[in-house]
C-alpha atoms as a PDB file:
ATOM      1  CA  UNK A   1      -9.214   5.851  30.593  1.00  0.00           C
ATOM      2  CA  UNK A   2      -7.746   9.142  29.016  1.00  0.00           C
ATOM      3  CA  UNK A   3      -3.697   9.383  29.793  1.00  0.00           C
ATOM      4  CA  UNK A   4      -3.851   5.961  27.943  1.00  0.00           C
ATOM      5  CA  UNK A   5      -5.275   7.089  25.078  1.00  0.00           C
ATOM      6  CA  UNK A   6      -3.136  10.278  24.764  1.00  0.00           C
ATOM      7  CA  UNK A   7      -0.149   8.534  25.455  1.00  0.00           C
ATOM      8  CA  UNK A   8      -1.399   5.815  22.643  1.00  0.00           C
ATOM      9  CA  UNK A   9      -1.702   9.786  20.715  1.00  0.00           C
ATOM     10  CA  UNK A  10       1.708  10.635  21.375  1.00  0.00           C
ATOM     11  CA  UNK A  11       3.699   7.196  20.615  1.00  0.00           C
ATOM     12  CA  UNK A  12       4.946   6.829  16.765  1.00  0.00           C
ATOM     13  CA  UNK A  13       3.703   2.487  17.573  1.00  0.00           C
ATOM     14  CA  UNK A  14       1.637   0.732  19.756  1.00  0.00           C
ATOM     15  CA  UNK A  15       4.770  -0.942  20.594  1.00  0.00           C
ATOM     16  CA  UNK A  16       5.496   2.321  22.960  1.00  0.00           C
ATOM     17  CA  UNK A  17       2.701   2.741  24.222  1.00  0.00           C
ATOM     18  CA  UNK A  18       2.270   0.084  25.703  1.00  0.00           C
ATOM     19  CA  UNK A  19       5.329  -2.057  27.327  1.00  0.00           C
ATOM     20  CA  UNK A  20       3.655  -5.455  28.846  1.00  0.00           C
ATOM     21  CA  UNK A  21       2.353  -5.902  25.141  1.00  0.00           C
ATOM     22  CA  UNK A  22       5.556  -5.284  23.745  1.00  0.00           C
ATOM     23  CA  UNK A  23       7.028  -7.593  26.490  1.00  0.00           C
ATOM     24  CA  UNK A  24       4.993 -10.330  25.669  1.00  0.00           C
ATOM     25  CA  UNK A  25       4.779 -10.126  22.036  1.00  0.00           C
ATOM     26  CA  UNK A  26       8.658 -10.224  22.104  1.00  0.00           C
ATOM     27  CA  UNK A  27       8.595 -13.391  24.556  1.00  0.00           C
ATOM     28  CA  UNK A  28       5.380 -14.809  22.325  1.00  0.00           C
ATOM     29  CA  UNK A  29       8.400 -14.926  19.400  1.00  0.00           C
ATOM     30  CA  UNK A  30      10.770 -16.357  21.270  1.00  0.00           C
ATOM     31  CA  UNK A  31       9.118 -19.012  21.927  1.00  0.00           C
ATOM     32  CA  UNK A  32       7.830 -19.673  18.557  1.00  0.00           C
ATOM     33  CA  UNK A  33      11.306 -20.421  17.418  1.00  0.00           C
ATOM     34  CA  UNK A  34      12.416 -22.451  19.782  1.00  0.00           C
ATOM     35  CA  UNK A  35       8.849 -24.637  18.950  1.00  0.00           C
ATOM     36  CA  UNK A  36       9.938 -24.213  15.765  1.00  0.00           C
ATOM     37  CA  UNK A  37      13.597 -25.576  15.714  1.00  0.00           C
ATOM     38  CA  UNK A  38      12.770 -28.254  18.373  1.00  0.00           C
ATOM     39  CA  UNK A  39      10.272 -29.617  15.643  1.00  0.00           C
ATOM     40  CA  UNK A  40      12.647 -29.193  12.985  1.00  0.00           C
ATOM     41  CA  UNK A  41      14.522 -31.633  15.237  1.00  0.00           C
ATOM     42  CA  UNK A  42      12.236 -34.143  15.749  1.00  0.00           C
END
C-alpha cells in the first residue's frame, strides 16, 4: 500500500500512476463515442 501511495505522489497525474485505470478510461471514452454515433444514426 505504501508503495502505491509513493508512486502516486511521484507522478503528475493519477493516469501515470495507475495504468489499468487510464486504459479503462480510454476504452470508456471510445465506447461512448461509438454509442453516440450509433444513436445519431437511428
